[in-house]
Amino acid sequence: MIAYHRVVTGEIPSEVFAGKIVLVGATTPTLHDIFPTPFASQAGMSGVEIHAHTLETLFQGIPLRRASRWLVPVVAVLAGAAAAWTATALRPLPAFGVVAAGVGGYLAASHGAFLWGRYWMEVVPVPLALLVTYAGTVAKNFTREQREKRRLSRFFSPDVVAEIVRHKDDAKLAATRRRMTVLFSDIRGFTSMSENMQPEEVVTFLREYLTVMTEAVFKHGGTVDKYIGDAIMALYNVPFEAPDHALRAVRTAIEFQERLQPLAERFAARHGGKLACGVGIHTGDAVVGTIGSEQRLEYTAIGDTINLGSRLEGLTKEFSVPIIISEATHAEVREHFGARDLGEVTVKGKVIPVKIYAVLGPLARAEESASGAGKEAAFNSRSARRRTIAGHVSISDGELTVVAEASDLSRTGIAVHAVPRRLEPGELVSLQIALRDHPEVLTIERAEVMWARKDTAGLRFIDLAAPTRAALDTLTAH
């Protein structure tokens, strides 16, 4: 390269240029004839020098060729597909690392092809396809993930939702048969009380009540299947394994009773009336998963286990106890909770009688209750108070009167043994109760046989007269 002024002044003789191609051009940056090239990307190269290199390439016969016109589009499409798969299969940060490595690899390959293979390839399309597809897929997955979280949050606790989304495993939600525990709860008498409330007040209360109770379900690892008015259906041991699922369900039921107290006090102050919550729990096999039609699927459970759990919740009204569990559930939790045998009942839809228990509370509290210190105050429920008694009960069906031994008395019913004749569940009788430690004979005009086996039975009082009810309250308070 020779400075132009040296030629003009004659400093360079003309013989120097004889038989040569001479290119004249500016090299100073002030004239802006500087361009970046693969060999001078930062400092740049003057236009005239670029032309000189071009002529040199031609004269030396260096085979600089352009890659096939289809190569880059095909590679860009494949790269985009690979970026989409990577962004879906991996978390965003690891996926970005893979995509960045792909961009770097393509740039290095195209540069190497130019240097050593004398191939010229378009650089921008492939990296652009990788980055744009990655960004679009990540945005799409994020939107879908948020939508899925909102859908699943109706059923599962936040921890379970995060686990399901993290694994992206729909098999966890597929309909399968498994052993689980179902819990049904309902507010006693809320329907009649809500008739005196404005619809807006009902909605406000239910939102507060269901929110508090759902927190208790999630706290113990349960899944809220559905709300039915003021009723709650919860499942345990789904969708992930929880070996102590029956224990979790009973703990939830106990917490329901504790959480209801402040709500009941506020409700009574605003609207009057007394709120009570009945809970039925059963353990057994059911089909659990996403079940429904092609138009709509819901995560739920079906089977006889679910039906029986619902029936047990209804029995809490008949026995005036807050929590009733089945024999299967009792077998799972008897080492942790005290329970009272309520006998056997025949529920709707089942021919074989079902043995049921009333939960008294954790064993330490139940033992304290039995010693007289706690008075069975696990749920602070007067209607659940019972005591062992001694005395005779005359049972009359209008035609025949028999005498049995009294064994267990509450303000809502009595258990008897050594019954001379078979009593049938659902049978209505009248009672004369003579207790050894009570001078007066209690007359119960109507009582219903709730369960019976061999020579023992349990009876529920119906329409008690005020004096009789007061006498029962006094007896069961001691």
Protein backbone atom coordinates (compact mmCIF):
# COMPACT_ATOMS: atom_id res chain seq x y z
CA MET A 1 0.00 0.00 0.00
CA ILE A 2 1.53 3.29 -1.15
CA ALA A 3 0.45 6.76 -0.04
CA TYR A 4 -1.21 8.69 -2.88
CA HIS A 5 0.78 11.93 -2.30
CA ARG A 6 4.06 10.11 -2.89
CA VAL A 7 2.92 9.11 -6.35
CA VAL A 8 1.70 12.65 -7.22
CA THR A 9 4.96 14.27 -6.12
CA GLY A 10 6.98 11.77 -8.17
CA GLU A 11 8.59 10.23 -5.16
CA ILE A 12 7.48 6.82 -6.44
CA PRO A 13 8.64 6.15 -10.03
CA SER A 14 6.06 5.03 -12.57
CA GLU A 15 7.99 1.82 -13.25
CA VAL A 16 6.75 0.50 -9.92
CA PHE A 17 3.24 0.24 -11.36
CA ALA A 18 4.18 -1.22 -14.71
CA GLY A 19 2.13 -4.35 -15.57
CA LYS A 20 0.12 -4.15 -12.38
CA ILE A 21 -3.47 -3.37 -11.44
CA VAL A 22 -3.60 -0.22 -9.40
CA LEU A 23 -6.50 0.55 -7.03
CA VAL A 24 -6.94 4.08 -5.76
CA GLY A 25 -9.02 4.70 -2.65
CA ALA A 26 -9.23 6.37 0.76
CA THR A 27 -8.04 4.62 3.89
CA THR A 28 -8.52 7.37 6.46
CA PRO A 29 -11.44 6.82 8.88
CA THR A 30 -12.50 10.44 8.48
CA LEU A 31 -13.86 9.67 4.99
CA HIS A 32 -15.99 6.79 6.40
CA ASP A 33 -14.93 4.26 3.79
CA ILE A 34 -14.26 1.66 6.52
CA PHE A 35 -16.22 -1.62 6.81
CA PRO A 36 -16.14 -4.58 9.22
CA THR A 37 -15.03 -7.92 7.84
CA PRO A 38 -14.50 -11.39 9.38
CA PHE A 39 -10.79 -10.64 9.44
CA ALA A 40 -11.00 -7.07 10.77
CA SER A 41 -14.27 -6.99 12.72
CA GLN A 42 -13.24 -4.33 15.28
CA ALA A 43 -10.83 -1.94 13.51
CA GLY A 44 -12.56 -2.41 10.17
CA MET A 45 -11.09 -2.51 6.66
CA SER A 46 -11.12 0.20 4.00
CA GLY A 47 -13.16 -0.35 0.88
CA VAL A 48 -10.20 -0.25 -1.43
CA GLU A 49 -8.44 -2.92 0.61
CA ILE A 50 -11.51 -5.12 0.45
CA HIS A 51 -11.43 -4.81 -3.35
CA ALA A 52 -7.74 -5.69 -3.33
CA HIS A 53 -8.37 -8.86 -1.32
CA THR A 54 -11.15 -9.77 -3.70
CA LEU A 55 -8.83 -9.49 -6.72
CA GLU A 56 -6.15 -11.45 -4.87
CA THR A 57 -8.63 -14.24 -4.20
CA LEU A 58 -9.56 -14.39 -7.87
CA PHE A 59 -5.98 -14.31 -9.16
CA GLN A 60 -4.83 -17.05 -6.76
CA GLY A 61 -7.80 -19.23 -7.65
CA ILE A 62 -8.96 -19.65 -4.06
CA PRO A 63 -12.38 -21.50 -4.32
CA LEU A 64 -14.64 -19.28 -2.14
CA ARG A 65 -18.15 -20.69 -2.53
CA ARG A 66 -21.58 -19.96 -1.08
CA ALA A 67 -23.31 -22.79 0.72
CA SER A 68 -26.42 -24.34 -0.80
CA ARG A 69 -29.41 -21.99 -0.66
CA TRP A 70 -31.42 -24.66 1.17
CA LEU A 71 -28.83 -25.44 3.83
CA VAL A 72 -29.39 -22.46 6.13
CA PRO A 73 -33.25 -22.54 5.99
CA VAL A 74 -33.26 -26.26 6.78
CA VAL A 75 -30.79 -25.83 9.65
CA ALA A 76 -32.85 -22.88 10.97
CA VAL A 77 -36.05 -24.98 11.01
CA LEU A 78 -34.31 -27.89 12.74
CA ALA A 79 -32.70 -25.51 15.23
CA GLY A 80 -36.06 -23.92 16.03
CA ALA A 81 -37.63 -27.35 16.61
CA ALA A 82 -34.74 -28.35 18.84
CA ALA A 83 -35.06 -25.10 20.83
CA ALA A 84 -38.81 -25.68 21.32
CA TRP A 85 -38.23 -29.24 22.54
CA THR A 86 -35.44 -28.12 24.86
CA ALA A 87 -37.52 -25.30 26.36
CA THR A 88 -40.36 -27.76 27.00
CA ALA A 89 -38.28 -30.62 28.38
CA LEU A 90 -36.03 -28.53 30.65
CA ARG A 91 -36.52 -25.69 33.08
CA PRO A 92 -35.96 -22.22 31.51
CA LEU A 93 -32.42 -21.61 32.83
CA PRO A 94 -30.90 -24.97 31.78
CA ALA A 95 -32.75 -24.72 28.47
CA PHE A 96 -31.24 -21.27 27.86
CA GLY A 97 -27.79 -22.72 28.45
CA VAL A 98 -28.41 -25.40 25.81
CA VAL A 99 -29.76 -22.83 23.33
CA ALA A 100 -26.84 -20.47 23.96
CA ALA A 101 -24.46 -23.36 23.35
CA GLY A 102 -26.28 -24.04 20.07
CA VAL A 103 -25.91 -20.41 18.98
CA GLY A 104 -22.21 -20.43 19.83
CA GLY A 105 -21.70 -23.74 18.08
CA TYR A 106 -23.35 -22.53 14.87
CA LEU A 107 -21.30 -19.31 14.83
CA ALA A 108 -18.10 -21.26 15.35
CA ALA A 109 -19.04 -23.76 12.64
CA SER A 110 -19.89 -21.08 10.08
CA HIS A 111 -16.66 -19.23 10.84
CA GLY A 112 -14.63 -22.45 10.53
CA ALA A 113 -16.34 -23.31 7.24
CA PHE A 114 -15.28 -19.93 5.88
CA LEU A 115 -11.70 -20.16 7.07
CA TRP A 116 -10.87 -23.74 6.22
CA GLY A 117 -13.54 -24.87 3.81
CA ARG A 118 -13.95 -21.58 1.91
CA TYR A 119 -17.73 -21.78 2.34
CA TRP A 120 -19.77 -18.69 2.99
CA MET A 121 -22.94 -19.21 5.07
CA GLU A 122 -25.57 -16.78 6.32
CA VAL A 123 -24.98 -16.28 10.03
CA VAL A 124 -28.15 -14.58 11.35
CA PRO A 125 -31.07 -16.97 10.50
CA VAL A 126 -30.05 -19.95 12.65
CA PRO A 127 -29.22 -18.05 15.89
CA LEU A 128 -32.37 -16.00 15.38
CA ALA A 129 -34.48 -19.15 15.01
CA LEU A 130 -32.95 -20.63 18.17
CA LEU A 131 -33.47 -17.54 20.34
CA VAL A 132 -36.92 -16.56 19.06
CA THR A 133 -38.27 -20.11 19.35
CA TYR A 134 -36.80 -20.50 22.82
CA ALA A 135 -38.30 -17.20 24.02
CA GLY A 136 -41.69 -17.98 22.51
CA THR A 137 -41.81 -21.49 23.96
CA VAL A 138 -40.79 -20.29 27.42
CA ALA A 139 -43.48 -17.59 27.32
CA LYS A 140 -46.08 -20.13 26.18
CA ASN A 141 -45.07 -22.65 28.86
CA PHE A 142 -45.14 -19.97 31.55
CA THR A 143 -48.66 -18.91 30.56
CA ARG A 144 -49.86 -22.50 30.48
CA GLU A 145 -48.16 -23.24 33.80
CA GLN A 146 -49.86 -20.29 35.49
CA ARG A 147 -53.21 -21.36 34.07
CA GLU A 148 -52.60 -24.92 35.28
CA LYS A 149 -51.62 -23.67 38.73
CA ARG A 150 -54.85 -21.69 38.97
CA ARG A 151 -56.84 -24.76 37.96
CA LEU A 152 -55.06 -27.12 40.33
CA SER A 153 -55.12 -24.66 43.24
CA ARG A 154 -58.85 -25.33 43.53
CA PHE A 155 -58.05 -28.87 44.63
CA PHE A 156 -54.53 -29.04 46.03
CA SER A 157 -52.38 -27.18 48.51
CA PRO A 158 -49.70 -24.85 47.06
CA ASP A 159 -46.95 -27.38 47.83
CA VAL A 160 -48.75 -30.16 45.96
CA VAL A 161 -49.51 -27.85 43.02
CA ALA A 162 -45.83 -26.89 42.77
CA GLU A 163 -44.84 -30.56 42.84
CA ILE A 164 -47.29 -31.51 40.10
CA VAL A 165 -46.26 -28.63 37.86
CA ARG A 166 -42.55 -29.25 38.51
CA HIS A 167 -42.80 -32.86 37.42
CA LYS A 168 -45.19 -32.08 34.55
CA ASP A 169 -46.56 -35.61 35.07
CA ASP A 170 -50.21 -35.90 34.06
CA ALA A 171 -50.11 -39.55 35.09
CA LYS A 172 -50.43 -38.35 38.69
CA LEU A 173 -53.90 -37.08 37.81
CA ALA A 174 -55.02 -40.06 35.72
CA ALA A 175 -58.01 -42.04 37.00
CA THR A 176 -56.70 -44.98 39.04
CA ARG A 177 -57.97 -47.20 41.82
CA ARG A 178 -56.29 -46.60 45.15
CA ARG A 179 -56.89 -46.76 48.88
CA MET A 180 -57.69 -43.36 50.31
CA THR A 181 -59.65 -41.54 53.00
CA VAL A 182 -62.59 -39.27 52.28
CA LEU A 183 -63.86 -36.52 54.57
CA PHE A 184 -67.28 -34.88 54.36
CA SER A 185 -68.21 -31.88 56.49
CA ASP A 186 -71.38 -29.84 56.76
CA ILE A 187 -72.69 -26.98 58.91
CA ARG A 188 -75.63 -28.14 61.01
CA GLY A 189 -78.82 -26.17 60.37
CA PHE A 190 -77.17 -23.59 58.15
CA THR A 191 -79.80 -23.88 55.43
CA SER A 192 -82.61 -22.87 57.78
CA MET A 193 -80.52 -20.11 59.37
CA SER A 194 -79.54 -18.70 55.98
CA GLU A 195 -83.24 -18.16 55.15
CA ASN A 196 -83.17 -15.16 57.51
CA MET A 197 -80.04 -13.72 55.88
CA GLN A 198 -79.56 -11.64 52.78
CA PRO A 199 -77.96 -13.53 49.86
CA GLU A 200 -74.91 -11.26 50.03
CA GLU A 201 -74.48 -12.12 53.72
CA VAL A 202 -74.68 -15.84 52.96
CA VAL A 203 -72.03 -15.54 50.25
CA THR A 204 -69.74 -13.49 52.51
CA PHE A 205 -70.00 -15.96 55.37
CA LEU A 206 -69.50 -19.01 53.14
CA ARG A 207 -66.42 -17.45 51.57
CA GLU A 208 -64.91 -16.86 55.01
CA TYR A 209 -65.94 -20.30 56.31
CA LEU A 210 -64.76 -22.27 53.27
CA THR A 211 -61.47 -20.35 53.17
CA VAL A 212 -60.69 -21.17 56.80
CA MET A 213 -61.67 -24.83 56.45
CA THR A 214 -59.79 -25.25 53.17
CA GLU A 215 -56.65 -23.97 54.90
CA ALA A 216 -57.08 -26.78 57.44
CA VAL A 217 -57.45 -29.37 54.66
CA PHE A 218 -54.32 -28.13 52.89
CA LYS A 219 -52.41 -27.93 56.17
CA HIS A 220 -52.82 -31.68 56.67
CA GLY A 221 -52.07 -32.59 53.06
CA GLY A 222 -55.63 -33.10 51.89
CA THR A 223 -57.20 -32.37 48.51
CA VAL A 224 -60.44 -30.38 48.28
CA ASP A 225 -62.61 -32.29 45.83
CA LYS A 226 -65.58 -29.94 45.78
CA TYR A 227 -67.79 -27.55 47.70
CA ILE A 228 -71.50 -28.36 47.90
CA GLY A 229 -73.05 -25.24 49.39
CA ASP A 230 -71.60 -25.15 52.89
CA ALA A 231 -70.41 -28.77 52.64
CA ILE A 232 -66.81 -29.76 51.90
CA MET A 233 -65.57 -33.00 50.37
CA ALA A 234 -61.85 -33.66 50.89
CA LEU A 235 -59.62 -36.55 49.82
CA TYR A 236 -56.44 -37.86 51.43
CA ASN A 237 -53.64 -39.96 49.94
CA VAL A 238 -54.16 -38.29 46.53
CA PRO A 239 -52.52 -37.43 44.24
CA PHE A 240 -49.32 -38.32 46.11
CA GLU A 241 -48.84 -41.17 48.57
CA ALA A 242 -49.42 -40.40 52.26
CA PRO A 243 -49.33 -43.59 54.36
CA ASP A 244 -50.98 -41.81 57.33
CA HIS A 245 -53.91 -40.50 55.26
CA ALA A 246 -56.57 -41.59 57.75
CA LEU A 247 -54.70 -39.87 60.56
CA ARG A 248 -54.47 -36.68 58.49
CA ALA A 249 -58.21 -36.73 57.83
CA VAL A 250 -59.10 -37.08 61.53
CA ARG A 251 -56.68 -34.30 62.45
CA THR A 252 -58.39 -32.12 59.87
CA ALA A 253 -61.79 -32.90 61.37
CA ILE A 254 -60.59 -31.95 64.84
CA GLU A 255 -59.14 -28.70 63.50
CA PHE A 256 -62.46 -28.01 61.79
CA GLN A 257 -64.14 -28.01 65.21
CA GLU A 258 -61.48 -25.70 66.66
CA ARG A 259 -61.56 -23.26 63.76
CA LEU A 260 -65.36 -23.13 63.78
CA GLN A 261 -65.55 -21.65 67.29
CA PRO A 262 -64.50 -18.05 66.47
CA LEU A 263 -66.58 -18.15 63.28
CA ALA A 264 -69.61 -19.38 65.24
CA GLU A 265 -69.21 -16.61 67.80
CA ARG A 266 -69.11 -13.92 65.12
CA PHE A 267 -72.02 -15.52 63.31
CA ALA A 268 -74.12 -15.62 66.49
CA ALA A 269 -73.33 -11.96 67.21
CA ARG A 270 -74.46 -10.89 63.72
CA HIS A 271 -77.28 -13.26 62.86
CA GLY A 272 -78.10 -15.29 65.96
CA GLY A 273 -78.25 -19.05 65.99
CA LYS A 274 -75.60 -21.59 66.87
CA LEU A 275 -73.31 -23.15 64.30
CA ALA A 276 -72.05 -26.71 64.58
CA CYS A 277 -70.01 -28.73 62.14
CA GLY A 278 -70.54 -32.43 61.46
CA VAL A 279 -67.77 -34.51 59.88
CA GLY A 280 -67.91 -38.03 58.47
CA ILE A 281 -64.73 -39.95 57.56
CA HIS A 282 -64.26 -43.29 55.83
CA THR A 283 -61.23 -45.16 54.51
CA GLY A 284 -61.41 -47.52 51.55
CA ASP A 285 -60.76 -48.04 47.84
CA ALA A 286 -62.02 -45.62 45.21
CA VAL A 287 -61.28 -44.57 41.65
CA VAL A 288 -59.51 -41.20 41.86
CA GLY A 289 -58.38 -38.90 39.05
CA THR A 290 -59.59 -36.63 36.28
CA ILE A 291 -63.08 -37.91 35.51
CA GLY A 292 -65.82 -36.43 33.36
CA SER A 293 -66.88 -35.82 29.79
CA GLU A 294 -64.98 -34.73 26.70
CA GLN A 295 -66.21 -31.18 27.32
CA ARG A 296 -65.30 -30.99 31.00
CA LEU A 297 -63.01 -32.93 33.30
CA GLU A 298 -62.73 -32.63 37.07
CA TYR A 299 -60.40 -34.18 39.60
CA THR A 300 -62.65 -36.27 41.82
CA ALA A 301 -63.24 -39.72 43.32
CA ILE A 302 -66.06 -42.18 42.81
CA GLY A 303 -67.02 -45.43 44.47
CA ASP A 304 -68.77 -46.89 47.49
CA THR A 305 -66.12 -45.39 49.77
CA ILE A 306 -67.27 -41.90 48.83
CA ASN A 307 -70.95 -42.72 49.31
CA LEU A 308 -70.35 -44.18 52.76
CA GLY A 309 -68.29 -41.16 53.82
CA SER A 310 -71.22 -38.93 52.91
CA ARG A 311 -73.66 -41.11 54.87
CA LEU A 312 -71.46 -40.97 57.97
CA GLU A 313 -71.49 -37.18 57.88
CA GLY A 314 -75.29 -37.30 57.90
CA LEU A 315 -75.28 -39.60 60.94
CA THR A 316 -73.57 -36.96 63.06
CA LYS A 317 -76.98 -35.26 63.34
CA GLU A 318 -78.66 -38.45 64.49
CA PHE A 319 -76.06 -39.19 67.16
CA SER A 320 -75.37 -35.54 68.05
CA VAL A 321 -71.61 -35.96 67.82
CA PRO A 322 -69.27 -33.78 65.78
CA ILE A 323 -67.15 -36.50 64.14
CA ILE A 324 -68.09 -40.03 63.09
CA ILE A 325 -65.57 -42.41 61.54
CA SER A 326 -65.98 -45.86 60.05
CA GLU A 327 -64.48 -49.06 61.41
CA ALA A 328 -61.84 -48.99 58.64
CA THR A 329 -60.74 -45.50 59.63
CA HIS A 330 -60.84 -46.36 63.32
CA ALA A 331 -58.46 -49.27 62.71
CA GLU A 332 -55.95 -46.79 61.24
CA VAL A 333 -56.17 -44.16 64.00
CA ARG A 334 -57.14 -45.97 67.20
CA GLU A 335 -53.60 -45.68 68.60
CA HIS A 336 -53.73 -41.91 68.22
CA PHE A 337 -57.31 -40.89 69.04
CA GLY A 338 -59.85 -41.86 71.62
CA ALA A 339 -63.17 -43.04 70.19
CA ARG A 340 -66.54 -44.21 71.45
CA ASP A 341 -68.22 -47.20 69.87
CA LEU A 342 -71.60 -46.08 68.52
CA GLY A 343 -72.54 -49.58 67.42
CA GLU A 344 -73.69 -50.66 63.99
CA VAL A 345 -76.03 -48.78 61.67
CA THR A 346 -77.59 -49.64 58.35
CA VAL A 347 -77.00 -46.75 55.98
CA LYS A 348 -78.90 -46.06 52.79
CA GLY A 349 -77.62 -48.11 49.88
CA LYS A 350 -75.94 -50.80 52.04
CA VAL A 351 -77.43 -54.06 53.29
CA ILE A 352 -74.68 -54.99 55.74
CA PRO A 353 -74.63 -52.82 58.91
CA VAL A 354 -71.65 -50.51 59.32
CA LYS A 355 -69.82 -50.15 62.61
CA ILE A 356 -69.15 -46.53 63.50
CA TYR A 357 -67.25 -44.56 66.14
CA ALA A 358 -67.40 -41.05 67.56
CA VAL A 359 -63.97 -39.42 67.83
CA LEU A 360 -63.26 -38.03 71.29
CA GLY A 361 -59.90 -36.44 70.53
CA PRO A 362 -56.19 -37.27 70.87
CA LEU A 363 -55.61 -40.10 73.34
CA ALA A 364 -53.99 -37.87 75.99
CA ARG A 365 -57.03 -35.59 76.00
CA ALA A 366 -59.48 -38.48 75.88
CA GLU A 367 -57.82 -40.12 78.91
CA GLU A 368 -57.95 -36.82 80.76
CA SER A 369 -61.63 -36.68 79.89
CA ALA A 370 -62.27 -40.17 81.21
CA SER A 371 -60.67 -39.27 84.55
CA GLY A 372 -63.07 -36.38 84.99
CA ALA A 373 -60.61 -33.55 84.40
CA GLY A 374 -61.54 -32.88 80.82
CA LYS A 375 -65.19 -34.01 80.71
CA GLU A 376 -64.66 -35.09 77.11
CA ALA A 377 -64.07 -31.49 76.06
CA ALA A 378 -62.10 -32.33 72.94
CA PHE A 379 -64.62 -30.42 70.85
CA ASN A 380 -66.33 -28.37 73.56
CA SER A 381 -69.62 -30.03 72.60
CA ARG A 382 -72.27 -30.57 75.28
CA SER A 383 -74.25 -32.78 72.95
CA ALA A 384 -71.32 -35.24 72.78
CA ARG A 385 -71.05 -35.70 76.59
CA ARG A 386 -71.83 -39.19 77.81
CA ARG A 387 -71.17 -41.18 80.93
CA THR A 388 -71.23 -44.79 81.98
CA ILE A 389 -74.25 -45.55 84.14
CA ALA A 390 -75.95 -48.41 85.95
CA GLY A 391 -79.67 -49.02 86.05
CA HIS A 392 -82.62 -50.57 84.26
CA VAL A 393 -84.46 -49.47 81.16
CA SER A 394 -88.03 -50.54 80.42
CA ILE A 395 -88.52 -50.67 76.65
CA SER A 396 -92.07 -50.70 75.32
CA ASP A 397 -93.31 -50.86 71.74
CA GLY A 398 -96.95 -50.48 72.77
CA GLU A 399 -97.62 -54.21 72.90
CA LEU A 400 -94.62 -55.63 74.71
CA THR A 401 -92.43 -54.26 77.48
CA VAL A 402 -89.00 -55.68 78.26
CA VAL A 403 -86.34 -54.68 80.78
CA ALA A 404 -82.69 -54.17 79.81
CA GLU A 405 -79.54 -52.96 81.52
CA ALA A 406 -78.43 -49.35 80.94
CA SER A 407 -74.73 -48.89 80.10
CA ASP A 408 -74.12 -45.52 78.47
CA LEU A 409 -76.17 -42.31 78.61
CA SER A 410 -76.00 -38.98 76.81
CA ARG A 411 -78.42 -36.08 76.48
CA THR A 412 -79.45 -37.45 73.06
CA GLY A 413 -79.49 -41.22 73.52
CA ILE A 414 -78.74 -44.33 75.54
CA ALA A 415 -76.96 -47.64 75.04
CA VAL A 416 -78.46 -50.78 76.58
CA HIS A 417 -77.42 -54.42 76.92
CA ALA A 418 -78.95 -57.69 78.03
CA VAL A 419 -82.02 -56.90 75.94
CA PRO A 420 -84.48 -59.83 76.14
CA ARG A 421 -85.73 -59.41 72.58
CA ARG A 422 -84.29 -58.36 69.27
CA LEU A 423 -84.60 -54.65 68.52
CA GLU A 424 -84.68 -53.57 64.88
CA PRO A 425 -82.93 -50.41 63.61
CA GLY A 426 -85.53 -47.75 62.90
CA GLU A 427 -88.00 -49.14 65.44
CA LEU A 428 -89.77 -46.53 67.62
CA VAL A 429 -90.22 -47.32 71.32
CA SER A 430 -90.84 -45.59 74.64
CA LEU A 431 -88.47 -45.82 77.60
CA GLN A 432 -88.60 -45.77 81.37
CA ILE A 433 -85.07 -45.21 82.71
CA ALA A 434 -84.40 -46.01 86.38
CA LEU A 435 -80.83 -45.23 87.41
CA ARG A 436 -79.27 -46.39 90.63
CA ASP A 437 -77.76 -43.01 91.44
CA HIS A 438 -80.82 -40.98 90.39
CA PRO A 439 -84.03 -41.13 92.43
CA GLU A 440 -86.40 -40.10 89.64
CA VAL A 441 -87.50 -42.32 86.78
CA LEU A 442 -86.92 -40.65 83.40
CA THR A 443 -89.72 -41.10 80.89
CA ILE A 444 -88.83 -40.91 77.22
CA GLU A 445 -91.99 -40.88 75.11
CA ARG A 446 -90.23 -41.59 71.81
CA ALA A 447 -86.88 -43.16 71.03
CA GLU A 448 -85.54 -44.63 67.80
CA VAL A 449 -83.38 -47.73 67.63
CA MET A 450 -80.25 -46.59 65.76
CA TRP A 451 -78.28 -49.85 65.92
CA ALA A 452 -78.64 -53.29 67.36
CA ARG A 453 -76.51 -56.40 67.53
CA LYS A 454 -77.12 -59.54 69.58
CA ASP A 455 -78.46 -58.32 72.94
CA THR A 456 -77.14 -54.72 72.79
CA ALA A 457 -78.58 -51.64 71.13
CA GLY A 458 -78.31 -47.88 70.87
CA LEU A 459 -81.38 -45.62 70.97
CA ARG A 460 -81.80 -41.96 70.07
CA PHE A 461 -84.22 -39.73 71.97
CA ILE A 462 -86.86 -37.90 69.91
CA ASP A 463 -88.80 -34.76 70.91
CA LEU A 464 -87.74 -34.63 74.55
CA ALA A 465 -89.86 -32.67 77.00
CA ALA A 466 -88.11 -29.71 78.61
CA PRO A 467 -87.97 -31.25 82.14
CA THR A 468 -86.57 -34.49 80.77
CA ARG A 469 -83.95 -32.64 78.74
CA ALA A 470 -82.92 -30.65 81.81
CA ALA A 471 -82.61 -33.85 83.84
CA LEU A 472 -80.41 -35.41 81.14
CA ASP A 473 -78.23 -32.32 81.06
CA THR A 474 -77.74 -32.62 84.80
CA LEU A 475 -76.92 -36.33 84.63
CA THR A 476 -74.45 -36.06 81.77
CA ALA A 477 -72.74 -33.03 83.29
CA HIS A 478 -71.26 -35.10 86.10
